[in-house]
N, C-alpha and C. Protein backbone atom coordinates (compact mmCIF):
# COMPACT_ATOMS: atom_id res chain seq x y z
N MET A 1 0.83 -1.20 0.00
CA MET A 1 0.00 0.00 0.00
C MET A 1 0.87 1.25 0.00
N THR A 2 1.94 1.23 0.75
CA THR A 2 2.81 2.39 0.84
C THR A 2 3.46 2.69 -0.50
N SER A 3 3.87 1.66 -1.25
CA SER A 3 4.54 1.91 -2.53
C SER A 3 3.60 2.58 -3.53
N THR A 4 2.33 2.19 -3.55
CA THR A 4 1.36 2.83 -4.44
C THR A 4 1.19 4.29 -4.05
N HIS A 5 1.12 4.54 -2.75
CA HIS A 5 0.98 5.92 -2.27
C HIS A 5 2.18 6.75 -2.71
N ASN A 6 3.38 6.19 -2.59
CA ASN A 6 4.59 6.91 -3.01
C ASN A 6 4.60 7.16 -4.51
N VAL A 7 4.13 6.21 -5.30
CA VAL A 7 4.08 6.38 -6.75
C VAL A 7 3.14 7.53 -7.10
N ASN A 8 1.98 7.59 -6.42
CA ASN A 8 1.03 8.68 -6.66
C ASN A 8 1.63 10.03 -6.28
N ILE A 9 2.34 10.06 -5.17
CA ILE A 9 2.99 11.32 -4.75
C ILE A 9 4.05 11.71 -5.78
N ASP A 10 4.86 10.72 -6.23
CA ASP A 10 5.89 11.01 -7.23
C ASP A 10 5.25 11.51 -8.52
N ALA A 11 4.16 10.89 -8.95
CA ALA A 11 3.48 11.32 -10.18
C ALA A 11 2.96 12.75 -10.01
N GLN A 12 2.43 13.07 -8.85
CA GLN A 12 1.94 14.43 -8.59
C GLN A 12 3.10 15.43 -8.60
N LEU A 13 4.22 15.05 -8.01
CA LEU A 13 5.39 15.94 -8.01
C LEU A 13 5.91 16.17 -9.43
N VAL A 14 5.94 15.10 -10.23
CA VAL A 14 6.39 15.23 -11.62
C VAL A 14 5.43 16.13 -12.39
N MET A 15 4.11 15.94 -12.19
CA MET A 15 3.13 16.76 -12.88
C MET A 15 3.28 18.23 -12.48
N ASP A 16 3.45 18.48 -11.18
CA ASP A 16 3.62 19.86 -10.72
C ASP A 16 4.88 20.49 -11.30
N ARG A 17 5.97 19.70 -11.33
CA ARG A 17 7.23 20.20 -11.89
C ARG A 17 7.06 20.49 -13.38
N ARG A 18 6.41 19.56 -14.11
CA ARG A 18 6.19 19.73 -15.55
C ARG A 18 5.36 20.97 -15.83
N ARG A 19 4.27 21.13 -15.09
CA ARG A 19 3.41 22.30 -15.31
C ARG A 19 4.14 23.59 -14.98
N SER A 20 4.98 23.56 -13.98
CA SER A 20 5.77 24.74 -13.64
C SER A 20 6.72 25.08 -14.79
N MET A 21 7.35 24.04 -15.37
CA MET A 21 8.26 24.26 -16.50
C MET A 21 7.50 24.80 -17.71
N VAL A 22 6.32 24.23 -17.98
CA VAL A 22 5.52 24.68 -19.12
C VAL A 22 5.09 26.13 -18.92
N ALA A 23 4.64 26.46 -17.71
CA ALA A 23 4.22 27.84 -17.43
C ALA A 23 5.38 28.81 -17.63
N GLU A 24 6.55 28.42 -17.17
CA GLU A 24 7.74 29.27 -17.32
C GLU A 24 8.07 29.48 -18.80
N LEU A 25 7.95 28.42 -19.59
CA LEU A 25 8.21 28.54 -21.03
C LEU A 25 7.21 29.48 -21.70
N ILE A 26 5.93 29.36 -21.32
CA ILE A 26 4.90 30.21 -21.90
C ILE A 26 5.19 31.68 -21.61
N VAL A 27 5.63 31.95 -20.39
CA VAL A 27 5.89 33.34 -19.98
C VAL A 27 7.17 33.87 -20.63
N LYS A 28 8.22 33.06 -20.60
CA LYS A 28 9.52 33.54 -21.09
C LYS A 28 9.64 33.53 -22.61
N ARG A 29 8.85 32.68 -23.28
CA ARG A 29 8.94 32.58 -24.73
C ARG A 29 7.56 32.71 -25.36
N PRO A 30 7.00 33.93 -25.37
CA PRO A 30 5.67 34.10 -25.97
C PRO A 30 5.67 33.60 -27.41
N GLY A 31 4.61 32.91 -27.77
CA GLY A 31 4.50 32.40 -29.13
C GLY A 31 5.06 31.00 -29.29
N ILE A 32 5.62 30.43 -28.21
CA ILE A 32 6.15 29.07 -28.31
C ILE A 32 4.99 28.11 -28.60
N THR A 33 5.23 27.16 -29.48
CA THR A 33 4.17 26.22 -29.85
C THR A 33 4.15 25.04 -28.89
N GLN A 34 3.05 24.31 -28.91
CA GLN A 34 2.94 23.13 -28.06
C GLN A 34 3.96 22.07 -28.48
N ARG A 35 4.21 21.95 -29.75
CA ARG A 35 5.21 20.98 -30.22
C ARG A 35 6.61 21.37 -29.73
N GLN A 36 6.90 22.66 -29.70
CA GLN A 36 8.21 23.10 -29.20
C GLN A 36 8.33 22.80 -27.70
N ILE A 37 7.22 22.98 -26.97
CA ILE A 37 7.25 22.67 -25.53
C ILE A 37 7.46 21.17 -25.35
N GLU A 38 6.74 20.38 -26.13
CA GLU A 38 6.88 18.91 -26.06
C GLU A 38 8.34 18.51 -26.32
N ALA A 39 8.94 19.10 -27.34
CA ALA A 39 10.34 18.79 -27.67
C ALA A 39 11.28 19.25 -26.56
N TRP A 40 11.01 20.42 -25.99
CA TRP A 40 11.86 20.96 -24.92
C TRP A 40 11.81 20.06 -23.69
N LEU A 41 10.62 19.58 -23.33
CA LEU A 41 10.49 18.70 -22.16
C LEU A 41 11.24 17.38 -22.38
N GLY A 42 11.21 16.86 -23.60
CA GLY A 42 11.84 15.58 -23.89
C GLY A 42 13.29 15.68 -24.32
N LYS A 43 13.82 16.90 -24.40
CA LYS A 43 15.19 17.09 -24.88
C LYS A 43 16.20 16.37 -23.98
N ILE A 44 17.17 15.77 -24.61
CA ILE A 44 18.23 15.09 -23.87
C ILE A 44 19.17 16.17 -23.31
N VAL A 45 19.39 16.11 -22.01
CA VAL A 45 20.27 17.07 -21.35
C VAL A 45 21.38 16.31 -20.63
N ASP A 46 22.49 16.99 -20.45
CA ASP A 46 23.64 16.37 -19.78
C ASP A 46 23.40 16.32 -18.28
N ILE A 47 23.86 15.23 -17.67
CA ILE A 47 23.82 15.10 -16.21
C ILE A 47 25.24 15.36 -15.73
N LYS A 48 25.35 16.30 -14.79
CA LYS A 48 26.67 16.64 -14.27
C LYS A 48 26.79 16.25 -12.81
N ASN A 49 28.01 15.90 -12.42
CA ASN A 49 28.23 15.60 -11.00
C ASN A 49 28.48 16.89 -10.24
N GLU A 50 28.76 16.77 -8.96
CA GLU A 50 28.96 17.96 -8.13
C GLU A 50 30.16 18.80 -8.57
N LEU A 51 31.07 18.23 -9.33
CA LEU A 51 32.23 18.98 -9.84
C LEU A 51 31.93 19.65 -11.18
N GLY A 52 30.73 19.39 -11.73
CA GLY A 52 30.36 19.97 -13.00
C GLY A 52 30.77 19.13 -14.19
N LEU A 53 31.28 17.93 -13.94
CA LEU A 53 31.69 17.04 -15.03
C LEU A 53 30.48 16.26 -15.54
N ILE A 54 30.39 16.11 -16.84
CA ILE A 54 29.27 15.37 -17.45
C ILE A 54 29.47 13.89 -17.17
N ILE A 55 28.46 13.29 -16.55
CA ILE A 55 28.55 11.87 -16.23
C ILE A 55 27.51 11.04 -16.96
N GLY A 56 26.67 11.69 -17.78
CA GLY A 56 25.65 10.97 -18.54
C GLY A 56 24.67 11.95 -19.15
N SER A 57 23.59 11.40 -19.70
CA SER A 57 22.55 12.25 -20.25
C SER A 57 21.21 11.51 -20.16
N GLU A 58 20.17 12.28 -20.13
CA GLU A 58 18.81 11.73 -20.07
C GLU A 58 17.83 12.80 -20.51
N PRO A 59 16.58 12.40 -20.81
CA PRO A 59 15.57 13.42 -21.16
C PRO A 59 15.36 14.38 -19.98
N ARG A 60 15.07 15.62 -20.30
CA ARG A 60 14.86 16.63 -19.27
C ARG A 60 13.78 16.18 -18.29
N LEU A 61 12.69 15.66 -18.82
CA LEU A 61 11.59 15.21 -17.97
C LEU A 61 10.90 14.06 -18.68
N ILE A 62 10.67 12.96 -17.98
CA ILE A 62 10.02 11.81 -18.59
C ILE A 62 8.76 11.45 -17.82
N ASN A 63 7.87 10.78 -18.52
CA ASN A 63 6.63 10.31 -17.92
C ASN A 63 6.97 9.11 -17.02
N PRO A 64 6.71 9.21 -15.71
CA PRO A 64 7.08 8.10 -14.83
C PRO A 64 6.30 6.82 -15.11
N LYS A 65 5.12 6.94 -15.73
CA LYS A 65 4.32 5.74 -16.03
C LYS A 65 4.85 4.99 -17.23
N THR A 66 5.34 5.74 -18.25
CA THR A 66 5.77 5.09 -19.50
C THR A 66 7.28 5.06 -19.66
N GLY A 67 7.98 5.92 -18.94
CA GLY A 67 9.42 6.01 -19.10
C GLY A 67 9.82 6.76 -20.37
N LYS A 68 8.84 7.39 -21.02
CA LYS A 68 9.09 8.13 -22.27
C LYS A 68 8.77 9.61 -22.05
N PRO A 69 9.21 10.46 -23.00
CA PRO A 69 8.84 11.89 -22.89
C PRO A 69 7.32 12.06 -22.93
N PHE A 70 6.86 13.17 -22.41
CA PHE A 70 5.43 13.45 -22.37
C PHE A 70 4.89 13.74 -23.76
N SER A 71 3.63 13.40 -23.97
CA SER A 71 2.98 13.55 -25.27
C SER A 71 2.51 14.98 -25.50
N LEU A 72 2.17 15.24 -26.75
CA LEU A 72 1.61 16.54 -27.13
C LEU A 72 0.28 16.78 -26.41
N LYS A 73 -0.51 15.73 -26.24
CA LYS A 73 -1.79 15.86 -25.53
C LYS A 73 -1.56 16.30 -24.08
N THR A 74 -0.54 15.74 -23.44
CA THR A 74 -0.23 16.12 -22.07
C THR A 74 0.15 17.60 -22.01
N VAL A 75 0.96 18.04 -22.95
CA VAL A 75 1.35 19.46 -23.01
C VAL A 75 0.11 20.32 -23.23
N ASN A 76 -0.77 19.90 -24.14
CA ASN A 76 -2.00 20.64 -24.40
C ASN A 76 -2.85 20.74 -23.14
N ASP A 77 -3.00 19.62 -22.43
CA ASP A 77 -3.78 19.62 -21.18
C ASP A 77 -3.14 20.53 -20.14
N ASP A 78 -1.81 20.50 -20.06
CA ASP A 78 -1.11 21.37 -19.11
C ASP A 78 -1.36 22.84 -19.41
N ILE A 79 -1.29 23.21 -20.68
CA ILE A 79 -1.49 24.60 -21.07
C ILE A 79 -2.91 25.04 -20.72
N LYS A 80 -3.89 24.20 -20.99
CA LYS A 80 -5.28 24.52 -20.63
C LYS A 80 -5.41 24.71 -19.13
N TYR A 81 -4.81 23.82 -18.36
CA TYR A 81 -4.86 23.89 -16.90
C TYR A 81 -4.19 25.18 -16.40
N ILE A 82 -3.01 25.47 -16.92
CA ILE A 82 -2.25 26.66 -16.49
C ILE A 82 -3.04 27.93 -16.80
N ARG A 83 -3.57 28.04 -18.01
CA ARG A 83 -4.32 29.24 -18.38
C ARG A 83 -5.58 29.40 -17.54
N GLN A 84 -6.24 28.29 -17.22
CA GLN A 84 -7.42 28.37 -16.35
C GLN A 84 -7.02 28.84 -14.96
N GLN A 85 -5.90 28.35 -14.46
CA GLN A 85 -5.41 28.79 -13.15
C GLN A 85 -5.11 30.29 -13.17
N TRP A 86 -4.48 30.76 -14.23
CA TRP A 86 -4.18 32.19 -14.34
C TRP A 86 -5.47 33.01 -14.38
N ARG A 87 -6.47 32.54 -15.15
CA ARG A 87 -7.75 33.25 -15.22
C ARG A 87 -8.42 33.30 -13.85
N ASP A 88 -8.42 32.16 -13.15
CA ASP A 88 -9.04 32.10 -11.82
C ASP A 88 -8.37 33.05 -10.85
N LYS A 89 -7.03 33.07 -10.86
CA LYS A 89 -6.30 33.96 -9.95
C LYS A 89 -6.57 35.42 -10.27
N THR A 90 -6.59 35.75 -11.55
CA THR A 90 -6.85 37.13 -11.96
C THR A 90 -8.25 37.55 -11.56
N SER A 91 -9.21 36.69 -11.82
CA SER A 91 -10.61 36.98 -11.48
C SER A 91 -10.76 37.14 -9.97
N GLN A 92 -10.13 36.26 -9.21
CA GLN A 92 -10.22 36.31 -7.76
C GLN A 92 -9.57 37.59 -7.24
N ALA A 93 -8.40 37.93 -7.76
CA ALA A 93 -7.70 39.14 -7.33
C ALA A 93 -8.54 40.38 -7.65
N SER A 94 -9.15 40.41 -8.83
CA SER A 94 -9.99 41.55 -9.22
C SER A 94 -11.21 41.65 -8.30
N SER A 95 -11.83 40.52 -8.03
CA SER A 95 -13.01 40.52 -7.16
C SER A 95 -12.65 40.97 -5.75
N GLU A 96 -11.51 40.50 -5.25
CA GLU A 96 -11.07 40.91 -3.91
C GLU A 96 -10.80 42.41 -3.86
N TRP A 97 -10.12 42.93 -4.89
CA TRP A 97 -9.83 44.36 -4.93
C TRP A 97 -11.13 45.16 -4.96
N LEU A 98 -12.06 44.74 -5.81
CA LEU A 98 -13.34 45.43 -5.93
C LEU A 98 -14.08 45.42 -4.59
N ALA A 99 -14.11 44.29 -3.92
CA ALA A 99 -14.79 44.20 -2.63
C ALA A 99 -14.14 45.12 -1.60
N GLN A 100 -12.81 45.18 -1.60
CA GLN A 100 -12.10 46.07 -0.66
C GLN A 100 -12.43 47.54 -0.94
N GLN A 101 -12.43 47.90 -2.23
CA GLN A 101 -12.72 49.29 -2.59
C GLN A 101 -14.15 49.68 -2.20
N LEU A 102 -15.10 48.79 -2.48
CA LEU A 102 -16.49 49.08 -2.14
C LEU A 102 -16.71 49.15 -0.63
N ALA A 103 -16.02 48.28 0.11
CA ALA A 103 -16.13 48.31 1.58
C ALA A 103 -15.57 49.62 2.12
N ALA A 104 -14.43 50.05 1.58
CA ALA A 104 -13.83 51.32 2.04
C ALA A 104 -14.75 52.49 1.71
N LEU A 105 -15.36 52.48 0.54
CA LEU A 105 -16.28 53.56 0.17
C LEU A 105 -17.53 53.55 1.07
N SER A 106 -18.03 52.38 1.39
CA SER A 106 -19.20 52.29 2.27
C SER A 106 -18.89 52.85 3.65
N GLU A 107 -17.70 52.54 4.14
CA GLU A 107 -17.29 53.07 5.45
C GLU A 107 -17.14 54.59 5.39
N ALA A 108 -16.52 55.08 4.33
CA ALA A 108 -16.35 56.53 4.16
C ALA A 108 -17.71 57.22 4.02
N GLU A 109 -18.64 56.56 3.33
CA GLU A 109 -19.98 57.12 3.16
C GLU A 109 -20.70 57.23 4.51
N ALA A 110 -20.58 56.19 5.33
CA ALA A 110 -21.22 56.22 6.65
C ALA A 110 -20.66 57.36 7.50
N ILE A 111 -19.36 57.55 7.43
CA ILE A 111 -18.73 58.65 8.18
C ILE A 111 -19.21 59.99 7.66
N ALA A 112 -19.29 60.13 6.34
CA ALA A 112 -19.75 61.40 5.74
C ALA A 112 -21.19 61.69 6.14
N TRP A 113 -22.04 60.67 6.18
CA TRP A 113 -23.44 60.87 6.59
C TRP A 113 -23.50 61.32 8.06
N ARG A 114 -22.69 60.67 8.91
CA ARG A 114 -22.68 61.05 10.34
C ARG A 114 -22.26 62.50 10.52
N LYS A 115 -21.33 62.96 9.69
CA LYS A 115 -20.86 64.35 9.76
C LYS A 115 -21.81 65.30 9.05
N GLY A 116 -22.79 64.77 8.32
CA GLY A 116 -23.72 65.61 7.58
C GLY A 116 -23.10 66.23 6.35
N ASN A 117 -22.04 65.62 5.83
CA ASN A 117 -21.32 66.15 4.69
C ASN A 117 -21.89 65.55 3.39
N THR A 118 -22.95 66.15 2.89
CA THR A 118 -23.62 65.61 1.71
C THR A 118 -22.77 65.74 0.44
N ALA A 119 -21.91 66.75 0.39
CA ALA A 119 -21.01 66.90 -0.77
C ALA A 119 -20.06 65.70 -0.83
N GLU A 120 -19.56 65.28 0.30
CA GLU A 120 -18.67 64.12 0.34
C GLU A 120 -19.42 62.84 -0.01
N VAL A 121 -20.67 62.74 0.44
CA VAL A 121 -21.50 61.58 0.11
C VAL A 121 -21.67 61.49 -1.41
N ARG A 122 -21.98 62.62 -2.07
CA ARG A 122 -22.12 62.64 -3.52
C ARG A 122 -20.81 62.23 -4.21
N ASN A 123 -19.69 62.72 -3.67
CA ASN A 123 -18.38 62.37 -4.22
C ASN A 123 -18.14 60.85 -4.10
N ILE A 124 -18.50 60.27 -2.97
CA ILE A 124 -18.34 58.83 -2.77
C ILE A 124 -19.24 58.06 -3.74
N TRP A 125 -20.46 58.54 -3.94
CA TRP A 125 -21.37 57.90 -4.89
C TRP A 125 -20.76 57.90 -6.29
N GLN A 126 -20.15 59.04 -6.68
CA GLN A 126 -19.51 59.13 -7.99
C GLN A 126 -18.36 58.14 -8.12
N GLN A 127 -17.55 58.03 -7.04
CA GLN A 127 -16.44 57.08 -7.05
C GLN A 127 -16.96 55.64 -7.18
N ARG A 128 -18.02 55.32 -6.45
CA ARG A 128 -18.59 53.98 -6.51
C ARG A 128 -19.11 53.69 -7.92
N ASN A 129 -19.78 54.68 -8.51
CA ASN A 129 -20.30 54.51 -9.88
C ASN A 129 -19.16 54.26 -10.87
N LYS A 130 -18.03 54.95 -10.70
CA LYS A 130 -16.88 54.74 -11.58
C LYS A 130 -16.34 53.32 -11.43
N ILE A 131 -16.17 52.88 -10.19
CA ILE A 131 -15.63 51.55 -9.94
C ILE A 131 -16.54 50.47 -10.53
N LEU A 132 -17.84 50.65 -10.42
CA LEU A 132 -18.80 49.67 -10.91
C LEU A 132 -19.12 49.84 -12.40
N GLY A 133 -18.59 50.92 -13.00
CA GLY A 133 -18.83 51.15 -14.42
C GLY A 133 -20.20 51.73 -14.72
N LEU A 134 -20.82 52.34 -13.71
CA LEU A 134 -22.16 52.89 -13.89
C LEU A 134 -22.14 54.31 -14.42
N ASP A 135 -20.95 54.87 -14.59
CA ASP A 135 -20.84 56.25 -15.08
C ASP A 135 -20.65 56.32 -16.59
N ALA A 136 -20.72 55.19 -17.25
CA ALA A 136 -20.53 55.17 -18.71
C ALA A 136 -21.65 55.94 -19.39
N PRO A 137 -21.34 56.64 -20.47
CA PRO A 137 -22.39 57.38 -21.17
C PRO A 137 -23.42 56.42 -21.77
N ILE A 138 -24.63 56.89 -21.83
CA ILE A 138 -25.72 56.10 -22.40
C ILE A 138 -25.88 56.52 -23.85
N LYS A 139 -25.94 55.54 -24.73
CA LYS A 139 -26.09 55.83 -26.15
C LYS A 139 -27.58 55.77 -26.51
N PHE A 140 -28.05 56.84 -27.09
CA PHE A 140 -29.42 56.87 -27.60
C PHE A 140 -29.34 56.79 -29.12
N ALA A 141 -30.00 55.81 -29.67
CA ALA A 141 -29.97 55.65 -31.13
C ALA A 141 -31.40 55.70 -31.64
N LYS A 142 -31.54 56.31 -32.78
CA LYS A 142 -32.85 56.31 -33.42
C LYS A 142 -33.08 54.92 -33.99
N THR A 143 -34.25 54.37 -33.72
CA THR A 143 -34.57 53.04 -34.23
C THR A 143 -35.93 53.06 -34.92
N ASP A 144 -36.12 52.07 -35.79
CA ASP A 144 -37.42 51.94 -36.45
C ASP A 144 -38.32 51.04 -35.60
N ALA A 145 -39.48 50.69 -36.11
CA ALA A 145 -40.45 49.89 -35.37
C ALA A 145 -39.90 48.51 -34.99
N LYS A 146 -38.95 48.01 -35.76
CA LYS A 146 -38.37 46.69 -35.49
C LYS A 146 -37.20 46.77 -34.51
N GLY A 147 -36.80 47.97 -34.12
CA GLY A 147 -35.67 48.13 -33.21
C GLY A 147 -34.34 48.26 -33.92
N GLU A 148 -34.36 48.32 -35.25
CA GLU A 148 -33.14 48.47 -36.04
C GLU A 148 -32.70 49.93 -36.02
N ASP A 149 -31.37 50.15 -36.01
CA ASP A 149 -30.85 51.52 -36.05
C ASP A 149 -31.27 52.21 -37.34
N VAL A 150 -31.67 53.46 -37.21
CA VAL A 150 -31.99 54.29 -38.37
C VAL A 150 -30.76 55.14 -38.63
N PRO A 151 -30.22 55.06 -39.85
CA PRO A 151 -29.00 55.83 -40.11
C PRO A 151 -29.27 57.33 -40.04
N GLU A 152 -28.25 58.03 -39.57
CA GLU A 152 -28.34 59.49 -39.52
C GLU A 152 -28.36 60.01 -40.95
N PRO A 153 -29.08 61.10 -41.19
CA PRO A 153 -29.10 61.67 -42.55
C PRO A 153 -27.70 62.12 -42.95
N ASP A 154 -27.38 61.94 -44.19
CA ASP A 154 -26.08 62.32 -44.72
C ASP A 154 -26.02 63.84 -44.84
N VAL A 155 -25.04 64.46 -44.19
CA VAL A 155 -24.92 65.91 -44.17
C VAL A 155 -24.74 66.46 -45.58
N ILE A 156 -23.96 65.76 -46.40
CA ILE A 156 -23.73 66.22 -47.77
C ILE A 156 -25.05 66.22 -48.55
N THR A 157 -25.84 65.18 -48.37
CA THR A 157 -27.12 65.10 -49.06
C THR A 157 -28.01 66.26 -48.65
N ILE A 158 -28.06 66.56 -47.37
CA ILE A 158 -28.88 67.66 -46.88
C ILE A 158 -28.38 68.98 -47.47
N PHE A 159 -27.05 69.15 -47.48
CA PHE A 159 -26.47 70.37 -48.01
C PHE A 159 -26.82 70.53 -49.49
N VAL A 160 -26.66 69.48 -50.27
CA VAL A 160 -26.97 69.52 -51.70
C VAL A 160 -28.45 69.79 -51.88
N PHE A 161 -29.27 69.15 -51.08
CA PHE A 161 -30.71 69.36 -51.17
C PHE A 161 -31.05 70.82 -50.86
N ASP A 162 -30.46 71.34 -49.80
CA ASP A 162 -30.72 72.73 -49.44
C ASP A 162 -30.23 73.68 -50.52
N ASP A 163 -29.08 73.40 -51.13
CA ASP A 163 -28.53 74.24 -52.18
C ASP A 163 -29.46 74.20 -53.40
N ALA A 164 -29.97 73.04 -53.74
CA ALA A 164 -30.88 72.91 -54.89
C ALA A 164 -32.17 73.67 -54.60
N ALA A 165 -32.65 73.59 -53.37
CA ALA A 165 -33.87 74.31 -53.00
C ALA A 165 -33.63 75.81 -53.09
N ALA A 166 -32.46 76.26 -52.68
CA ALA A 166 -32.15 77.69 -52.74
C ALA A 166 -32.09 78.15 -54.19
N ARG A 167 -31.48 77.37 -55.08
CA ARG A 167 -31.41 77.74 -56.50
C ARG A 167 -32.81 77.79 -57.10
N HIS A 168 -33.61 76.80 -56.75
CA HIS A 168 -35.00 76.79 -57.26
C HIS A 168 -35.75 78.03 -56.80
N SER A 169 -35.51 78.39 -55.54
CA SER A 169 -36.18 79.57 -54.99
C SER A 169 -35.74 80.83 -55.73
N LYS A 170 -34.43 80.95 -56.03
CA LYS A 170 -33.92 82.12 -56.73
C LYS A 170 -34.48 82.18 -58.16
N GLU A 171 -34.55 81.01 -58.81
CA GLU A 171 -35.03 80.98 -60.19
C GLU A 171 -36.51 81.34 -60.27
N SER A 172 -37.26 80.92 -59.26
CA SER A 172 -38.69 81.20 -59.30
C SER A 172 -38.97 82.69 -59.04
N LYS A 173 -38.03 83.38 -58.35
CA LYS A 173 -38.21 84.80 -58.09
C LYS A 173 -37.92 85.64 -59.32
N LYS A 174 -37.15 85.11 -60.28
CA LYS A 174 -36.77 85.87 -61.48
C LYS A 174 -37.90 86.11 -62.36
């Protein structure tokens, strides 16, 4: 039972190490392809002793289950996992920052109300609206009965029309 447990731990350590290497490659070499990552993981590297002398060579990282370099599918799965982790961390960090900012504004608002400082309350409301994106301009568009945008009249057409009307008016006065 213990040996199976150790194999699972070793496999987890290898997976963590591999994903760390893949993540580092993605960051340090933007545009690197999955095939290049696969080749890099399986590349034969020199093994050196404590004196720095080459004593052999082996693949940089091998699959402990097969004894062979990792497959393209494994690299693909790692990249998906890494990118999802990055998205989750970014989303969590953004949500935490937003919650902290809103909590600080709520506390400041309560203090402003206690002091009777309505100008400060309005200022806090404006800040909250900016953080939440509620201060964005509202677009009003002319639409037809179906809700489709109605194009704005062409200024040149109006100008030409007005000029033609003016000429007609002048000619009729003659």
